[in-house]
C-alpha atoms as a PDB file:
ATOM      1  CA  UNK A   1      -0.094  -0.162  -0.118  1.00  0.00           C
ATOM      2  CA  UNK A   2       1.406   3.510  -1.221  1.00  0.00           C
ATOM      3  CA  UNK A   3       0.416   6.267   1.488  1.00  0.00           C
ATOM      4  CA  UNK A   4       0.997   9.968   0.093  1.00  0.00           C
ATOM      5  CA  UNK A   5       1.608  12.789   2.416  1.00  0.00           C
ATOM      6  CA  UNK A   6       1.340  16.554   2.242  1.00  0.00           C
ATOM      7  CA  UNK A   7       4.786  17.667   0.987  1.00  0.00           C
ATOM      8  CA  UNK A   8       4.826  14.930  -1.637  1.00  0.00           C
ATOM      9  CA  UNK A   9       6.423  12.282   0.569  1.00  0.00           C
ATOM     10  CA  UNK A  10       5.227   8.757  -0.099  1.00  0.00           C
ATOM     11  CA  UNK A  11       5.937   5.880   1.560  1.00  0.00           C
ATOM     12  CA  UNK A  12       5.173   1.904   0.760  1.00  0.00           C
ATOM     13  CA  UNK A  13       3.937   0.262   3.989  1.00  0.00           C
ATOM     14  CA  UNK A  14       4.260  -3.439   3.853  1.00  0.00           C
ATOM     15  CA  UNK A  15       1.727  -5.884   5.128  1.00  0.00           C
ATOM     16  CA  UNK A  16       2.212  -6.561   8.510  1.00  0.00           C
ATOM     17  CA  UNK A  17       4.389  -3.708   9.686  1.00  0.00           C
ATOM     18  CA  UNK A  18       4.257  -0.551  11.065  1.00  0.00           C
ATOM     19  CA  UNK A  19       5.688   2.777  10.598  1.00  0.00           C
ATOM     20  CA  UNK A  20       6.158   5.748  12.927  1.00  0.00           C
ATOM     21  CA  UNK A  21       6.413   9.268  12.006  1.00  0.00           C
ATOM     22  CA  UNK A  22       7.378  11.876  14.555  1.00  0.00           C
ATOM     23  CA  UNK A  23       5.732  15.357  12.998  1.00  0.00           C
ATOM     24  CA  UNK A  24       8.419  18.134  13.634  1.00  0.00           C
ATOM     25  CA  UNK A  25       8.105  21.359  15.215  1.00  0.00           C
ATOM     26  CA  UNK A  26       7.442  23.404  12.104  1.00  0.00           C
ATOM     27  CA  UNK A  27       5.745  20.968  10.032  1.00  0.00           C
ATOM     28  CA  UNK A  28       2.313  19.208   9.541  1.00  0.00           C
ATOM     29  CA  UNK A  29       1.702  16.025   7.878  1.00  0.00           C
ATOM     30  CA  UNK A  30      -1.303  15.800   5.609  1.00  0.00           C
ATOM     31  CA  UNK A  31      -2.378  11.994   4.529  1.00  0.00           C
ATOM     32  CA  UNK A  32      -4.183  12.332   1.252  1.00  0.00           C
ATOM     33  CA  UNK A  33      -3.851   9.258  -0.672  1.00  0.00           C
ATOM     34  CA  UNK A  34      -3.720   5.333  -0.410  1.00  0.00           C
ATOM     35  CA  UNK A  35      -3.169   2.979  -3.031  1.00  0.00           C
ATOM     36  CA  UNK A  36      -2.204  -0.400  -3.655  1.00  0.00           C
ATOM     37  CA  UNK A  37       0.851  -1.319  -5.166  1.00  0.00           C
ATOM     38  CA  UNK A  38       1.413  -3.558  -8.010  1.00  0.00           C
ATOM     39  CA  UNK A  39      -0.819  -6.467  -9.321  1.00  0.00           C
ATOM     40  CA  UNK A  40      -2.112  -9.351  -7.252  1.00  0.00           C
ATOM     41  CA  UNK A  41      -1.602  -7.277  -3.761  1.00  0.00           C
ATOM     42  CA  UNK A  42      -5.050  -8.629  -2.327  1.00  0.00           C
ATOM     43  CA  UNK A  43      -6.436  -6.910   0.419  1.00  0.00           C
ATOM     44  CA  UNK A  44      -5.120  -4.144   2.302  1.00  0.00           C
ATOM     45  CA  UNK A  45      -5.924  -2.308   5.553  1.00  0.00           C
ATOM     46  CA  UNK A  46      -4.477   1.175   6.836  1.00  0.00           C
ATOM     47  CA  UNK A  47      -5.109   1.968  10.404  1.00  0.00           C
ATOM     48  CA  UNK A  48      -3.283   4.863  12.520  1.00  0.00           C
ATOM     49  CA  UNK A  49      -2.438   4.486  16.338  1.00  0.00           C
ATOM     50  CA  UNK A  50      -2.386   8.152  18.320  1.00  0.00           C
ATOM     51  CA  UNK A  51      -2.267   8.223  21.834  1.00  0.00           C
ATOM     52  CA  UNK A  52      -2.776   4.543  22.090  1.00  0.00           C
ATOM     53  CA  UNK A  53      -6.039   4.553  20.096  1.00  0.00           C
ATOM     54  CA  UNK A  54      -6.231   2.524  16.654  1.00  0.00           C
ATOM     55  CA  UNK A  55      -8.153   4.213  14.134  1.00  0.00           C
ATOM     56  CA  UNK A  56      -9.091   2.417  10.688  1.00  0.00           C
ATOM     57  CA  UNK A  57      -7.947   4.694   7.693  1.00  0.00           C
ATOM     58  CA  UNK A  58      -8.868   2.810   4.916  1.00  0.00           C
ATOM     59  CA  UNK A  59      -9.372  -0.953   3.314  1.00  0.00           C
ATOM     60  CA  UNK A  60      -8.479  -1.400  -0.323  1.00  0.00           C
ATOM     61  CA  UNK A  61      -8.589  -4.810  -2.365  1.00  0.00           C
ATOM     62  CA  UNK A  62     -10.921  -7.582  -3.792  1.00  0.00           C
ATOM     63  CA  UNK A  63     -10.915  -5.943  -7.320  1.00  0.00           C
ATOM     64  CA  UNK A  64     -12.210  -2.569  -6.325  1.00  0.00           C
ATOM     65  CA  UNK A  65     -11.331   0.096  -5.465  1.00  0.00           C
ATOM     66  CA  UNK A  66      -7.646  -0.128  -5.473  1.00  0.00           C
ATOM     67  CA  UNK A  67      -6.960   3.802  -3.975  1.00  0.00           C
ATOM     68  CA  UNK A  68      -8.830   6.240  -2.089  1.00  0.00           C
ATOM     69  CA  UNK A  69      -8.727   9.745  -1.718  1.00  0.00           C
ATOM     70  CA  UNK A  70      -8.245  10.683   2.482  1.00  0.00           C
ATOM     71  CA  UNK A  71      -8.095  14.172   4.284  1.00  0.00           C
ATOM     72  CA  UNK A  72      -6.062  13.406   7.764  1.00  0.00           C
ATOM     73  CA  UNK A  73      -3.935  16.209   9.238  1.00  0.00           C
ATOM     74  CA  UNK A  74      -1.537  15.276  11.662  1.00  0.00           C
ATOM     75  CA  UNK A  75       0.244  18.200  13.836  1.00  0.00           C
ATOM     76  CA  UNK A  76       3.737  19.123  15.148  1.00  0.00           C
ATOM     77  CA  UNK A  77       4.879  16.933  18.251  1.00  0.00           C
ATOM     78  CA  UNK A  78       2.682  14.079  17.534  1.00  0.00           C
ATOM     79  CA  UNK A  79       4.030  10.852  17.196  1.00  0.00           C
ATOM     80  CA  UNK A  80       1.861   8.820  14.432  1.00  0.00           C
ATOM     81  CA  UNK A  81       2.095   5.092  14.144  1.00  0.00           C
ATOM     82  CA  UNK A  82       0.566   3.575  10.650  1.00  0.00           C
ATOM     83  CA  UNK A  83      -0.052  -0.337  10.475  1.00  0.00           C
ATOM     84  CA  UNK A  84      -0.658  -2.125   7.057  1.00  0.00           C
END
């Protein structure tokens, strides 16, 4: 699953892994899009954990849809963990 963040930053989140992001003092992170990578990727779920609470972001796969537009903003000094 590909996760596009505000400053044209992208990251590939591999299934079964987590990615921690600490938002810098002078930045905000704006999560705008998630999409499956390659063919035969199957199902993919993306969740975010903030302050020990887990929130689902999207579920993709099974033929359609293969991408989704989202609108989440994370502010400075936040630690955010994405799970795929």
